[in-house]
Amino acid sequence: MSRQRDNLPYPPRGMDRIDAARYVGVGISKFDEMVADRRMPKPKTVDKRLIWDRVELDMFFTDLPARDEGGNRIDAILARAGNASAR
């Protein structure tokens, strides 16, 4: 049975390993490494298939540190807002 993809302008909610790696912008080996060290989520299981949830990928991606920041972007914004209100 061949897998057909639709041509809708949005990514699917569930993705296989190759599509999940592509979605977050890394190669498959790097994606596997990131799943193993918990920088990316573990997949869900549907029968014997492993499927990554796009929403979880988005959440984990948001938590990755930015190049110039030590934490995630939201924490940095909140920290700056807290420092500004303390002045």
PDB file of N, CA and C in Angstrom:
ATOM      1  N   MET A   1       0.852  -1.184   0.000  1.00  0.00           N
ATOM      2  CA  MET A   1       0.000   0.000   0.000  1.00  0.00           C
ATOM      3  C   MET A   1       0.894   1.243   0.000  1.00  0.00           C
ATOM      4  N   SER A   2       0.743   2.075  -0.993  1.00  0.00           N
ATOM      5  CA  SER A   2       1.560   3.280  -1.050  1.00  0.00           C
ATOM      6  C   SER A   2       0.907   4.396  -0.251  1.00  0.00           C
ATOM      7  N   ARG A   3       1.769   5.178   0.327  1.00  0.00           N
ATOM      8  CA  ARG A   3       1.306   6.304   1.124  1.00  0.00           C
ATOM      9  C   ARG A   3       1.094   7.504   0.220  1.00  0.00           C
ATOM     10  N   GLN A   4      -0.101   8.050   0.217  1.00  0.00           N
ATOM     11  CA  GLN A   4      -0.363   9.227  -0.598  1.00  0.00           C
ATOM     12  C   GLN A   4      -0.346  10.458   0.284  1.00  0.00           C
ATOM     13  N   ARG A   5       0.252  11.480  -0.236  1.00  0.00           N
ATOM     14  CA  ARG A   5       0.302  12.753   0.481  1.00  0.00           C
ATOM     15  C   ARG A   5      -0.640  13.720  -0.210  1.00  0.00           C
ATOM     16  N   ASP A   6      -1.313  14.508   0.603  1.00  0.00           N
ATOM     17  CA  ASP A   6      -2.140  15.540  -0.002  1.00  0.00           C
ATOM     18  C   ASP A   6      -1.268  16.764  -0.254  1.00  0.00           C
ATOM     19  N   ASN A   7      -1.780  17.684  -0.990  1.00  0.00           N
ATOM     20  CA  ASN A   7      -1.036  18.898  -1.301  1.00  0.00           C
ATOM     21  C   ASN A   7      -1.600  20.086  -0.541  1.00  0.00           C
ATOM     22  N   LEU A   8      -2.022  19.849   0.690  1.00  0.00           N
ATOM     23  CA  LEU A   8      -2.561  20.931   1.506  1.00  0.00           C
ATOM     24  C   LEU A   8      -1.436  21.825   2.001  1.00  0.00           C
ATOM     25  N   PRO A   9      -1.721  23.096   2.236  1.00  0.00           N
ATOM     26  CA  PRO A   9      -0.672  24.050   2.600  1.00  0.00           C
ATOM     27  C   PRO A   9      -0.264  24.016   4.077  1.00  0.00           C
ATOM     28  N   TYR A  10      -0.488  22.920   4.762  1.00  0.00           N
ATOM     29  CA  TYR A  10      -0.094  22.834   6.168  1.00  0.00           C
ATOM     30  C   TYR A  10       0.560  21.479   6.416  1.00  0.00           C
ATOM     31  N   PRO A  11       1.435  21.411   7.406  1.00  0.00           N
ATOM     32  CA  PRO A  11       2.042  20.113   7.705  1.00  0.00           C
ATOM     33  C   PRO A  11       1.030  19.212   8.416  1.00  0.00           C
ATOM     34  N   PRO A  12       1.152  17.912   8.240  1.00  0.00           N
ATOM     35  CA  PRO A  12       0.239  16.998   8.923  1.00  0.00           C
ATOM     36  C   PRO A  12       0.481  17.023  10.426  1.00  0.00           C
ATOM     37  N   ARG A  13      -0.497  16.618  11.202  1.00  0.00           N
ATOM     38  CA  ARG A  13      -0.352  16.585  12.659  1.00  0.00           C
ATOM     39  C   ARG A  13       0.650  15.522  13.074  1.00  0.00           C
ATOM     40  N   GLY A  14       0.630  14.361  12.416  1.00  0.00           N
ATOM     41  CA  GLY A  14       1.566  13.288  12.729  1.00  0.00           C
ATOM     42  C   GLY A  14       2.556  13.096  11.596  1.00  0.00           C
ATOM     43  N   MET A  15       3.825  12.879  11.958  1.00  0.00           N
ATOM     44  CA  MET A  15       4.870  12.731  10.949  1.00  0.00           C
ATOM     45  C   MET A  15       5.746  11.533  11.258  1.00  0.00           C
ATOM     46  N   ASP A  16       6.229  10.886  10.201  1.00  0.00           N
ATOM     47  CA  ASP A  16       7.213   9.838  10.416  1.00  0.00           C
ATOM     48  C   ASP A  16       8.552  10.491  10.741  1.00  0.00           C
ATOM     49  N   ARG A  17       9.533   9.666  11.028  1.00  0.00           N
ATOM     50  CA  ARG A  17      10.842  10.147  11.478  1.00  0.00           C
ATOM     51  C   ARG A  17      11.505  11.065  10.457  1.00  0.00           C
ATOM     52  N   ILE A  18      11.442  10.701   9.199  1.00  0.00           N
ATOM     53  CA  ILE A  18      12.082  11.505   8.155  1.00  0.00           C
ATOM     54  C   ILE A  18      11.416  12.869   8.036  1.00  0.00           C
ATOM     55  N   ASP A  19      10.082  12.893   8.022  1.00  0.00           N
ATOM     56  CA  ASP A  19       9.359  14.163   7.927  1.00  0.00           C
ATOM     57  C   ASP A  19       9.547  15.010   9.184  1.00  0.00           C
ATOM     58  N   ALA A  20       9.602  14.374  10.351  1.00  0.00           N
ATOM     59  CA  ALA A  20       9.801  15.114  11.602  1.00  0.00           C
ATOM     60  C   ALA A  20      11.172  15.785  11.615  1.00  0.00           C
ATOM     61  N   ALA A  21      12.191  15.062  11.172  1.00  0.00           N
ATOM     62  CA  ALA A  21      13.536  15.642  11.099  1.00  0.00           C
ATOM     63  C   ALA A  21      13.546  16.827  10.137  1.00  0.00           C
ATOM     64  N   ARG A  22      12.931  16.644   8.987  1.00  0.00           N
ATOM     65  CA  ARG A  22      12.864  17.724   7.992  1.00  0.00           C
ATOM     66  C   ARG A  22      12.099  18.923   8.558  1.00  0.00           C
ATOM     67  N   TYR A  23      11.016  18.654   9.289  1.00  0.00           N
ATOM     68  CA  TYR A  23      10.175  19.713   9.849  1.00  0.00           C
ATOM     69  C   TYR A  23      10.966  20.616  10.801  1.00  0.00           C
ATOM     70  N   VAL A  24      11.833  20.024  11.623  1.00  0.00           N
ATOM     71  CA  VAL A  24      12.610  20.847  12.560  1.00  0.00           C
ATOM     72  C   VAL A  24      13.933  21.316  11.965  1.00  0.00           C
ATOM     73  N   GLY A  25      14.230  20.900  10.732  1.00  0.00           N
ATOM     74  CA  GLY A  25      15.375  21.449  10.024  1.00  0.00           C
ATOM     75  C   GLY A  25      16.703  20.760  10.287  1.00  0.00           C
ATOM     76  N   VAL A  26      16.665  19.486  10.656  1.00  0.00           N
ATOM     77  CA  VAL A  26      17.911  18.755  10.886  1.00  0.00           C
ATOM     78  C   VAL A  26      17.893  17.453  10.090  1.00  0.00           C
ATOM     79  N   GLY A  27      19.051  16.832   9.986  1.00  0.00           N
ATOM     80  CA  GLY A  27      19.139  15.535   9.328  1.00  0.00           C
ATOM     81  C   GLY A  27      18.598  14.432  10.236  1.00  0.00           C
ATOM     82  N   ILE A  28      18.443  13.261   9.665  1.00  0.00           N
ATOM     83  CA  ILE A  28      17.865  12.145  10.412  1.00  0.00           C
ATOM     84  C   ILE A  28      18.753  11.727  11.574  1.00  0.00           C
ATOM     85  N   SER A  29      20.064  11.651  11.362  1.00  0.00           N
ATOM     86  CA  SER A  29      20.976  11.258  12.447  1.00  0.00           C
ATOM     87  C   SER A  29      20.929  12.250  13.596  1.00  0.00           C
ATOM     88  N   LYS A  30      20.929  13.534  13.272  1.00  0.00           N
ATOM     89  CA  LYS A  30      20.855  14.567  14.318  1.00  0.00           C
ATOM     90  C   LYS A  30      19.515  14.485  15.041  1.00  0.00           C
ATOM     91  N   PHE A  31      18.448  14.244  14.292  1.00  0.00           N
ATOM     92  CA  PHE A  31      17.126  14.121  14.916  1.00  0.00           C
ATOM     93  C   PHE A  31      17.108  12.951  15.891  1.00  0.00           C
ATOM     94  N   ASP A  32      17.659  11.805  15.473  1.00  0.00           N
ATOM     95  CA  ASP A  32      17.736  10.643  16.362  1.00  0.00           C
ATOM     96  C   ASP A  32      18.504  10.977  17.637  1.00  0.00           C
ATOM     97  N   GLU A  33      19.598  11.691  17.481  1.00  0.00           N
ATOM     98  CA  GLU A  33      20.402  12.121  18.634  1.00  0.00           C
ATOM     99  C   GLU A  33      19.584  13.026  19.561  1.00  0.00           C
ATOM    100  N   MET A  34      18.834  13.941  18.970  1.00  0.00           N
ATOM    101  CA  MET A  34      18.035  14.883  19.765  1.00  0.00           C
ATOM    102  C   MET A  34      16.891  14.173  20.490  1.00  0.00           C
ATOM    103  N   VAL A  35      16.317  13.138  19.876  1.00  0.00           N
ATOM    104  CA  VAL A  35      15.281  12.345  20.548  1.00  0.00           C
ATOM    105  C   VAL A  35      15.915  11.576  21.703  1.00  0.00           C
ATOM    106  N   ALA A  36      17.083  11.000  21.462  1.00  0.00           N
ATOM    107  CA  ALA A  36      17.768  10.210  22.496  1.00  0.00           C
ATOM    108  C   ALA A  36      18.144  11.060  23.705  1.00  0.00           C
ATOM    109  N   ASP A  37      18.573  12.319  23.469  1.00  0.00           N
ATOM    110  CA  ASP A  37      18.959  13.160  24.610  1.00  0.00           C
ATOM    111  C   ASP A  37      17.828  14.094  25.068  1.00  0.00           C
ATOM    112  N   ARG A  38      16.635  13.819  24.572  1.00  0.00           N
ATOM    113  CA  ARG A  38      15.389  14.484  24.998  1.00  0.00           C
ATOM    114  C   ARG A  38      15.283  15.956  24.620  1.00  0.00           C
ATOM    115  N   ARG A  39      16.044  16.368  23.594  1.00  0.00           N
ATOM    116  CA  ARG A  39      15.829  17.718  23.056  1.00  0.00           C
ATOM    117  C   ARG A  39      14.639  17.724  22.116  1.00  0.00           C
ATOM    118  N   MET A  40      14.249  16.544  21.626  1.00  0.00           N
ATOM    119  CA  MET A  40      13.047  16.357  20.819  1.00  0.00           C
ATOM    120  C   MET A  40      12.214  15.269  21.480  1.00  0.00           C
ATOM    121  N   PRO A  41      10.890  15.302  21.250  1.00  0.00           N
ATOM    122  CA  PRO A  41      10.010  14.340  21.935  1.00  0.00           C
ATOM    123  C   PRO A  41      10.149  12.926  21.389  1.00  0.00           C
ATOM    124  N   LYS A  42       9.734  11.985  22.188  1.00  0.00           N
ATOM    125  CA  LYS A  42       9.646  10.600  21.744  1.00  0.00           C
ATOM    126  C   LYS A  42       8.386  10.471  20.877  1.00  0.00           C
ATOM    127  N   PRO A  43       8.377   9.512  19.985  1.00  0.00           N
ATOM    128  CA  PRO A  43       7.212   9.350  19.106  1.00  0.00           C
ATOM    129  C   PRO A  43       6.041   8.677  19.810  1.00  0.00           C
ATOM    130  N   LYS A  44       4.887   8.832  19.235  1.00  0.00           N
ATOM    131  CA  LYS A  44       3.697   8.084  19.639  1.00  0.00           C
ATOM    132  C   LYS A  44       3.690   6.798  18.819  1.00  0.00           C
ATOM    133  N   THR A  45       3.014   5.805  19.310  1.00  0.00           N
ATOM    134  CA  THR A  45       2.935   4.534  18.595  1.00  0.00           C
ATOM    135  C   THR A  45       1.514   4.304  18.117  1.00  0.00           C
ATOM    136  N   VAL A  46       1.368   4.048  16.833  1.00  0.00           N
ATOM    137  CA  VAL A  46       0.083   3.676  16.241  1.00  0.00           C
ATOM    138  C   VAL A  46       0.310   2.324  15.587  1.00  0.00           C
ATOM    139  N   ASP A  47      -0.246   1.293  16.217  1.00  0.00           N
ATOM    140  CA  ASP A  47       0.065  -0.078  15.840  1.00  0.00           C
ATOM    141  C   ASP A  47       1.584  -0.238  15.944  1.00  0.00           C
ATOM    142  N   LYS A  48       2.267  -0.483  14.844  1.00  0.00           N
ATOM    143  CA  LYS A  48       3.722  -0.627  14.913  1.00  0.00           C
ATOM    144  C   LYS A  48       4.458   0.576  14.340  1.00  0.00           C
ATOM    145  N   ARG A  49       3.700   1.598  13.980  1.00  0.00           N
ATOM    146  CA  ARG A  49       4.308   2.807  13.393  1.00  0.00           C
ATOM    147  C   ARG A  49       4.686   3.798  14.465  1.00  0.00           C
ATOM    148  N   LEU A  50       5.806   4.478  14.269  1.00  0.00           N
ATOM    149  CA  LEU A  50       6.234   5.556  15.149  1.00  0.00           C
ATOM    150  C   LEU A  50       5.868   6.872  14.479  1.00  0.00           C
ATOM    151  N   ILE A  51       5.140   7.711  15.210  1.00  0.00           N
ATOM    152  CA  ILE A  51       4.648   8.966  14.650  1.00  0.00           C
ATOM    153  C   ILE A  51       4.939  10.096  15.632  1.00  0.00           C
ATOM    154  N   TRP A  52       5.556  11.162  15.114  1.00  0.00           N
ATOM    155  CA  TRP A  52       5.843  12.333  15.935  1.00  0.00           C
ATOM    156  C   TRP A  52       4.722  13.345  15.783  1.00  0.00           C
ATOM    157  N   ASP A  53       4.309  13.909  16.890  1.00  0.00           N
ATOM    158  CA  ASP A  53       3.244  14.903  16.944  1.00  0.00           C
ATOM    159  C   ASP A  53       3.832  16.276  16.620  1.00  0.00           C
ATOM    160  N   ARG A  54       3.298  16.921  15.603  1.00  0.00           N
ATOM    161  CA  ARG A  54       3.788  18.239  15.179  1.00  0.00           C
ATOM    162  C   ARG A  54       3.735  19.263  16.313  1.00  0.00           C
ATOM    163  N   VAL A  55       2.677  19.231  17.120  1.00  0.00           N
ATOM    164  CA  VAL A  55       2.543  20.196  18.219  1.00  0.00           C
ATOM    165  C   VAL A  55       3.658  19.979  19.244  1.00  0.00           C
ATOM    166  N   GLU A  56       3.946  18.714  19.562  1.00  0.00           N
ATOM    167  CA  GLU A  56       5.053  18.428  20.485  1.00  0.00           C
ATOM    168  C   GLU A  56       6.386  18.858  19.892  1.00  0.00           C
ATOM    169  N   LEU A  57       6.580  18.625  18.599  1.00  0.00           N
ATOM    170  CA  LEU A  57       7.812  19.076  17.953  1.00  0.00           C
ATOM    171  C   LEU A  57       7.955  20.588  18.079  1.00  0.00           C
ATOM    172  N   ASP A  58       6.851  21.314  17.876  1.00  0.00           N
ATOM    173  CA  ASP A  58       6.886  22.772  18.014  1.00  0.00           C
ATOM    174  C   ASP A  58       7.273  23.185  19.432  1.00  0.00           C
ATOM    175  N   MET A  59       6.691  22.523  20.436  1.00  0.00           N
ATOM    176  CA  MET A  59       6.989  22.870  21.834  1.00  0.00           C
ATOM    177  C   MET A  59       8.459  22.600  22.160  1.00  0.00           C
ATOM    178  N   PHE A  60       8.962  21.444  21.756  1.00  0.00           N
ATOM    179  CA  PHE A  60      10.362  21.115  22.030  1.00  0.00           C
ATOM    180  C   PHE A  60      11.289  22.057  21.266  1.00  0.00           C
ATOM    181  N   PHE A  61      10.927  22.398  20.035  1.00  0.00           N
ATOM    182  CA  PHE A  61      11.757  23.302  19.248  1.00  0.00           C
ATOM    183  C   PHE A  61      11.820  24.675  19.914  1.00  0.00           C
ATOM    184  N   THR A  62      10.703  25.143  20.442  1.00  0.00           N
ATOM    185  CA  THR A  62      10.666  26.427  21.134  1.00  0.00           C
ATOM    186  C   THR A  62      11.593  26.424  22.344  1.00  0.00           C
ATOM    187  N   ASP A  63      11.718  25.285  23.008  1.00  0.00           N
ATOM    188  CA  ASP A  63      12.561  25.187  24.196  1.00  0.00           C
ATOM    189  C   ASP A  63      14.054  25.086  23.895  1.00  0.00           C
ATOM    190  N   LEU A  64      14.426  24.894  22.631  1.00  0.00           N
ATOM    191  CA  LEU A  64      15.852  24.872  22.302  1.00  0.00           C
ATOM    192  C   LEU A  64      16.446  26.255  22.533  1.00  0.00           C
ATOM    193  N   PRO A  65      17.664  26.320  23.060  1.00  0.00           N
ATOM    194  CA  PRO A  65      18.258  27.638  23.296  1.00  0.00           C
ATOM    195  C   PRO A  65      18.590  28.341  21.981  1.00  0.00           C
ATOM    196  N   ALA A  66      18.409  29.639  21.971  1.00  0.00           N
ATOM    197  CA  ALA A  66      18.821  30.441  20.826  1.00  0.00           C
ATOM    198  C   ALA A  66      20.342  30.567  20.858  1.00  0.00           C
ATOM    199  N   ARG A  67      20.915  30.918  19.777  1.00  0.00           N
ATOM    200  CA  ARG A  67      22.380  31.000  19.683  1.00  0.00           C
ATOM    201  C   ARG A  67      22.966  31.940  20.728  1.00  0.00           C
ATOM    202  N   ASP A  68      22.336  33.071  20.951  1.00  0.00           N
ATOM    203  CA  ASP A  68      22.874  34.079  21.867  1.00  0.00           C
ATOM    204  C   ASP A  68      22.212  34.060  23.239  1.00  0.00           C
ATOM    205  N   GLU A  69      21.349  33.087  23.485  1.00  0.00           N
ATOM    206  CA  GLU A  69      20.644  33.030  24.765  1.00  0.00           C
ATOM    207  C   GLU A  69      20.943  31.717  25.449  1.00  0.00           C
ATOM    208  N   GLY A  70      20.902  31.733  26.770  1.00  0.00           N
ATOM    209  CA  GLY A  70      21.154  30.519  27.517  1.00  0.00           C
ATOM    210  C   GLY A  70      19.929  29.643  27.652  1.00  0.00           C
ATOM    211  N   GLY A  71      18.734  30.208  27.572  1.00  0.00           N
ATOM    212  CA  GLY A  71      17.510  29.449  27.759  1.00  0.00           C
ATOM    213  C   GLY A  71      16.614  29.567  26.553  1.00  0.00           C
ATOM    214  N   ASN A  72      15.341  29.251  26.753  1.00  0.00           N
ATOM    215  CA  ASN A  72      14.457  29.376  25.605  1.00  0.00           C
ATOM    216  C   ASN A  72      13.989  30.818  25.445  1.00  0.00           C
ATOM    217  N   ARG A  73      13.453  31.116  24.312  1.00  0.00           N
ATOM    218  CA  ARG A  73      13.100  32.492  23.942  1.00  0.00           C
ATOM    219  C   ARG A  73      12.049  33.100  24.865  1.00  0.00           C
ATOM    220  N   ILE A  74      11.052  32.319  25.233  1.00  0.00           N
ATOM    221  CA  ILE A  74       9.983  32.834  26.094  1.00  0.00           C
ATOM    222  C   ILE A  74      10.531  33.184  27.473  1.00  0.00           C
ATOM    223  N   ASP A  75      11.379  32.319  28.040  1.00  0.00           N
ATOM    224  CA  ASP A  75      11.994  32.614  29.331  1.00  0.00           C
ATOM    225  C   ASP A  75      12.830  33.893  29.263  1.00  0.00           C
ATOM    226  N   ALA A  76      13.562  34.089  28.173  1.00  0.00           N
ATOM    227  CA  ALA A  76      14.383  35.286  28.018  1.00  0.00           C
ATOM    228  C   ALA A  76      13.517  36.540  27.958  1.00  0.00           C
ATOM    229  N   ILE A  77      12.408  36.478  27.243  1.00  0.00           N
ATOM    230  CA  ILE A  77      11.497  37.625  27.153  1.00  0.00           C
ATOM    231  C   ILE A  77      10.904  37.942  28.520  1.00  0.00           C
ATOM    232  N   LEU A  78      10.467  36.908  29.224  1.00  0.00           N
ATOM    233  CA  LEU A  78       9.903  37.122  30.557  1.00  0.00           C
ATOM    234  C   LEU A  78      10.938  37.668  31.522  1.00  0.00           C
ATOM    235  N   ALA A  79      12.171  37.206  31.427  1.00  0.00           N
ATOM    236  CA  ALA A  79      13.233  37.701  32.304  1.00  0.00           C
ATOM    237  C   ALA A  79      13.502  39.178  32.035  1.00  0.00           C
ATOM    238  N   ARG A  80      13.542  39.558  30.748  1.00  0.00           N
ATOM    239  CA  ARG A  80      13.761  40.968  30.415  1.00  0.00           C
ATOM    240  C   ARG A  80      12.600  41.827  30.908  1.00  0.00           C
ATOM    241  N   ALA A  81      11.377  41.309  30.775  1.00  0.00           N
ATOM    242  CA  ALA A  81      10.205  42.057  31.233  1.00  0.00           C
ATOM    243  C   ALA A  81      10.237  42.209  32.756  1.00  0.00           C
ATOM    244  N   GLY A  82      10.675  41.190  33.466  1.00  0.00           N
ATOM    245  CA  GLY A  82      10.778  41.246  34.921  1.00  0.00           C
ATOM    246  C   GLY A  82      11.836  42.236  35.358  1.00  0.00           C
ATOM    247  N   ASN A  83      12.959  42.271  34.651  1.00  0.00           N
ATOM    248  CA  ASN A  83      14.032  43.227  34.970  1.00  0.00           C
ATOM    249  C   ASN A  83      13.598  44.647  34.706  1.00  0.00           C
ATOM    250  N   ALA A  84      12.807  44.847  33.663  1.00  0.00           N
ATOM    251  CA  ALA A  84      12.343  46.196  33.322  1.00  0.00           C
ATOM    252  C   ALA A  84      11.364  46.700  34.364  1.00  0.00           C
ATOM    253  N   SER A  85      10.503  45.824  34.884  1.00  0.00           N
ATOM    254  CA  SER A  85       9.513  46.250  35.871  1.00  0.00           C
ATOM    255  C   SER A  85      10.149  46.461  37.245  1.00  0.00           C
ATOM    256  N   ALA A  86      11.326  45.890  37.488  1.00  0.00           N
ATOM    257  CA  ALA A  86      11.996  46.039  38.782  1.00  0.00           C
ATOM    258  C   ALA A  86      12.743  47.365  38.877  1.00  0.00           C
ATOM    259  N   ARG A  87      12.889  48.035  37.759  1.00  0.00           N
ATOM    260  CA  ARG A  87      13.648  49.321  37.759  1.00  0.00           C
ATOM    261  C   ARG A  87      12.835  50.441  38.266  1.00  0.00           C
TER     262      ARG A  87
END
